[in-house]
Every structure is written in C-alpha cells, then in structure tokens.
C-alpha cells in the first residue's frame, strides 16, 4: 500500500538563489560599498588633520574655560 503523504520535491536548480542575477547585483553593490569605506579610511589615515587657527572663539562659543568666580 502506498503512503498518502506527498513526498517533497526538490527545488529546481533554475530557482536557486545563486542563479538569480539580482542576488549577485546585491553582492557586488555590497562589496563595492565596503571597499569604498575601507579606501576612504585608508585615505583619511594618510593625510594629517591640521588644527584650524582660531582666536579663542568658534561659532561664538569660547574654546577655553573662564576663570572661576570669586566668592
């Protein structure tokens, strides 16, 4: 006597995830984004961040603490 439960059919190879062009496009975009981030970090490390010359005030905010008030 045959079993009444259906046997699962294997997924056809045409619909496997690695056969989808959009999946590979996503992988390429992700890899390019990560490579760009690494490149910008390396580029930033090669150039010194020189301090900006100011006269003690930046955007109307003093850069040093004022003297404490006398009691």
N, C-alpha and C. Protein backbone atom coordinates (compact mmCIF):
# COMPACT_ATOMS: atom_id res chain seq x y z
N UNK A 1 0.83 -1.18 0.00
CA UNK A 1 0.00 0.00 0.00
C UNK A 1 0.89 1.25 0.00
N UNK A 2 0.52 2.22 -0.83
CA UNK A 2 1.34 3.42 -0.94
C UNK A 2 0.98 4.41 0.15
N UNK A 3 1.94 5.23 0.52
CA UNK A 3 1.72 6.25 1.53
C UNK A 3 0.92 7.41 0.94
N UNK A 4 0.05 7.99 1.73
CA UNK A 4 -0.78 9.09 1.25
C UNK A 4 -0.11 10.46 1.43
N UNK A 5 0.97 10.50 2.17
CA UNK A 5 1.66 11.78 2.35
C UNK A 5 2.50 12.07 1.12
N UNK A 6 2.40 13.29 0.60
CA UNK A 6 3.18 13.60 -0.61
C UNK A 6 4.66 13.72 -0.26
N UNK A 7 5.46 13.27 -1.16
CA UNK A 7 6.91 13.40 -0.95
C UNK A 7 7.34 14.78 -1.41
N UNK A 8 8.19 15.43 -0.65
CA UNK A 8 8.62 16.77 -1.06
C UNK A 8 9.49 16.71 -2.31
N UNK A 9 9.21 17.59 -3.21
CA UNK A 9 10.00 17.65 -4.44
C UNK A 9 11.18 18.58 -4.21
N UNK A 10 12.34 18.18 -4.68
CA UNK A 10 13.50 19.08 -4.52
C UNK A 10 13.31 20.36 -5.33
N UNK A 11 13.92 21.41 -4.84
CA UNK A 11 13.81 22.71 -5.52
C UNK A 11 14.52 22.64 -6.87
N UNK A 12 13.87 23.11 -7.92
CA UNK A 12 14.56 23.09 -9.22
C UNK A 12 15.80 23.98 -9.20
N UNK A 13 16.80 23.58 -9.96
CA UNK A 13 18.06 24.33 -9.97
C UNK A 13 17.90 25.73 -10.55
N UNK A 14 16.91 25.93 -11.41
CA UNK A 14 16.73 27.24 -12.03
C UNK A 14 16.34 28.31 -11.01
N UNK A 15 15.67 27.92 -9.95
CA UNK A 15 15.21 28.92 -8.98
C UNK A 15 16.11 29.01 -7.75
N UNK A 16 17.25 28.40 -7.77
CA UNK A 16 18.18 28.51 -6.64
C UNK A 16 18.66 29.95 -6.51
N UNK A 17 18.99 30.36 -5.30
CA UNK A 17 19.33 31.77 -5.06
C UNK A 17 20.56 32.21 -5.85
N UNK A 18 21.52 31.33 -6.03
CA UNK A 18 22.74 31.71 -6.74
C UNK A 18 22.55 31.82 -8.25
N UNK A 19 21.39 31.47 -8.75
CA UNK A 19 21.10 31.63 -10.18
C UNK A 19 20.32 32.91 -10.46
N UNK A 20 20.06 33.72 -9.43
CA UNK A 20 19.29 34.95 -9.60
C UNK A 20 20.25 36.13 -9.80
N UNK A 21 20.13 36.85 -10.90
CA UNK A 21 21.04 37.97 -11.16
C UNK A 21 20.91 39.09 -10.13
N UNK A 22 19.73 39.29 -9.58
CA UNK A 22 19.56 40.38 -8.61
C UNK A 22 20.33 40.09 -7.33
N UNK A 23 20.47 38.82 -6.97
CA UNK A 23 21.26 38.46 -5.79
C UNK A 23 22.73 38.81 -6.02
N UNK A 24 23.24 38.52 -7.20
CA UNK A 24 24.63 38.83 -7.50
C UNK A 24 24.85 40.34 -7.60
N UNK A 25 23.87 41.05 -8.11
CA UNK A 25 23.97 42.51 -8.15
C UNK A 25 24.05 43.06 -6.73
N UNK A 26 23.26 42.54 -5.83
CA UNK A 26 23.31 42.96 -4.43
C UNK A 26 24.66 42.66 -3.80
N UNK A 27 25.22 41.49 -4.11
CA UNK A 27 26.54 41.13 -3.58
C UNK A 27 27.60 42.09 -4.11
N UNK A 28 27.54 42.42 -5.38
CA UNK A 28 28.52 43.33 -5.99
C UNK A 28 28.39 44.73 -5.38
N UNK A 29 27.17 45.22 -5.20
CA UNK A 29 26.98 46.55 -4.61
C UNK A 29 27.49 46.58 -3.16
N UNK A 30 27.21 45.53 -2.40
CA UNK A 30 27.69 45.45 -1.02
C UNK A 30 29.22 45.43 -0.97
N UNK A 31 29.84 44.63 -1.83
CA UNK A 31 31.30 44.55 -1.85
C UNK A 31 31.91 45.89 -2.27
N UNK A 32 31.31 46.57 -3.23
CA UNK A 32 31.83 47.87 -3.66
C UNK A 32 31.68 48.91 -2.54
N UNK A 33 30.59 48.85 -1.81
CA UNK A 33 30.40 49.78 -0.70
C UNK A 33 31.44 49.56 0.39
N UNK A 34 31.67 48.31 0.74
CA UNK A 34 32.67 48.01 1.76
C UNK A 34 34.08 48.39 1.30
N UNK A 35 34.38 48.13 0.04
CA UNK A 35 35.69 48.51 -0.49
C UNK A 35 35.85 50.03 -0.48
N UNK A 36 34.80 50.76 -0.80
CA UNK A 36 34.86 52.22 -0.76
C UNK A 36 35.07 52.74 0.66
N UNK A 37 34.43 52.12 1.63
CA UNK A 37 34.62 52.53 3.03
C UNK A 37 36.06 52.30 3.47
N UNK A 38 36.60 51.14 3.14
CA UNK A 38 37.99 50.84 3.50
C UNK A 38 38.93 51.82 2.81
N UNK A 39 38.67 52.11 1.54
CA UNK A 39 39.53 53.04 0.80
C UNK A 39 39.51 54.43 1.43
N UNK A 40 38.32 54.91 1.83
CA UNK A 40 38.23 56.23 2.46
C UNK A 40 38.93 56.27 3.81
N UNK A 41 38.86 55.18 4.57
CA UNK A 41 39.56 55.13 5.86
C UNK A 41 41.07 55.17 5.64
N UNK A 42 41.56 54.39 4.69
CA UNK A 42 42.99 54.39 4.40
C UNK A 42 43.43 55.76 3.90
N UNK A 43 42.65 56.37 3.04
CA UNK A 43 42.97 57.69 2.52
C UNK A 43 42.99 58.72 3.64
N UNK A 44 42.04 58.62 4.57
CA UNK A 44 41.98 59.55 5.69
C UNK A 44 43.16 59.39 6.64
N UNK A 45 43.67 58.19 6.78
CA UNK A 45 44.81 57.96 7.66
C UNK A 45 46.10 58.53 7.08
N UNK A 46 46.18 58.68 5.78
CA UNK A 46 47.39 59.16 5.13
C UNK A 46 47.53 60.68 5.20
N UNK A 47 46.47 61.39 5.47
CA UNK A 47 46.50 62.85 5.49
C UNK A 47 46.26 63.36 6.90
N UNK A 48 47.13 64.27 7.33
CA UNK A 48 47.03 64.82 8.68
C UNK A 48 45.85 65.78 8.77
N UNK A 49 45.22 65.78 9.92
CA UNK A 49 44.11 66.69 10.17
C UNK A 49 44.69 67.89 10.94
N UNK A 50 45.04 68.93 10.21
CA UNK A 50 45.68 70.09 10.83
C UNK A 50 44.66 70.93 11.58
N UNK A 51 45.05 71.44 12.77
CA UNK A 51 44.11 72.25 13.53
C UNK A 51 43.84 73.59 12.85
N UNK A 52 42.66 74.11 13.06
CA UNK A 52 42.27 75.39 12.48
C UNK A 52 42.71 76.50 13.43
N UNK A 53 43.31 77.54 12.89
CA UNK A 53 43.75 78.66 13.72
C UNK A 53 42.53 79.48 14.13
N UNK A 54 42.35 79.65 15.44
CA UNK A 54 41.22 80.42 15.96
C UNK A 54 41.74 81.43 16.98
N UNK A 55 40.90 82.39 17.31
CA UNK A 55 41.28 83.39 18.30
C UNK A 55 40.61 83.12 19.65
N UNK A 56 40.28 81.86 19.93
CA UNK A 56 39.68 81.50 21.20
C UNK A 56 38.17 81.36 21.17
N UNK A 57 37.55 81.63 20.03
CA UNK A 57 36.09 81.50 19.93
C UNK A 57 35.76 80.82 18.60
N UNK A 58 34.90 79.79 18.68
CA UNK A 58 34.42 79.10 17.49
C UNK A 58 32.91 79.11 17.54
N UNK A 59 32.27 79.65 16.52
CA UNK A 59 30.80 79.77 16.45
C UNK A 59 30.25 80.47 17.70
N UNK A 60 30.93 81.50 18.13
CA UNK A 60 30.55 82.31 19.29
C UNK A 60 30.56 81.53 20.60
N UNK A 61 31.33 80.44 20.65
CA UNK A 61 31.49 79.63 21.86
C UNK A 61 32.96 79.67 22.24
N UNK A 62 33.28 80.04 23.48
CA UNK A 62 34.68 80.08 23.88
C UNK A 62 35.29 78.68 23.90
N UNK A 63 36.56 78.61 23.53
CA UNK A 63 37.24 77.31 23.48
C UNK A 63 37.97 76.99 24.77
N UNK A 64 38.07 77.93 25.69
CA UNK A 64 38.70 77.69 26.98
C UNK A 64 37.71 78.02 28.09
N UNK A 65 38.00 77.49 29.27
CA UNK A 65 37.13 77.77 30.41
C UNK A 65 37.47 79.16 30.95
N UNK A 66 36.44 79.80 31.43
CA UNK A 66 36.67 81.10 32.05
C UNK A 66 37.14 80.89 33.48
N UNK A 67 37.73 81.91 34.06
CA UNK A 67 38.22 81.82 35.44
C UNK A 67 37.04 81.63 36.39
N UNK A 68 37.24 80.83 37.43
CA UNK A 68 36.14 80.61 38.36
C UNK A 68 35.78 81.92 39.09
N UNK A 69 34.53 82.04 39.42
CA UNK A 69 34.04 83.26 40.10
C UNK A 69 34.60 83.30 41.52
N UNK A 70 34.98 84.51 41.97
CA UNK A 70 35.49 84.69 43.33
C UNK A 70 34.31 84.75 44.31
N UNK A 71 34.37 83.99 45.41
CA UNK A 71 33.26 84.02 46.38
C UNK A 71 33.19 85.29 47.19
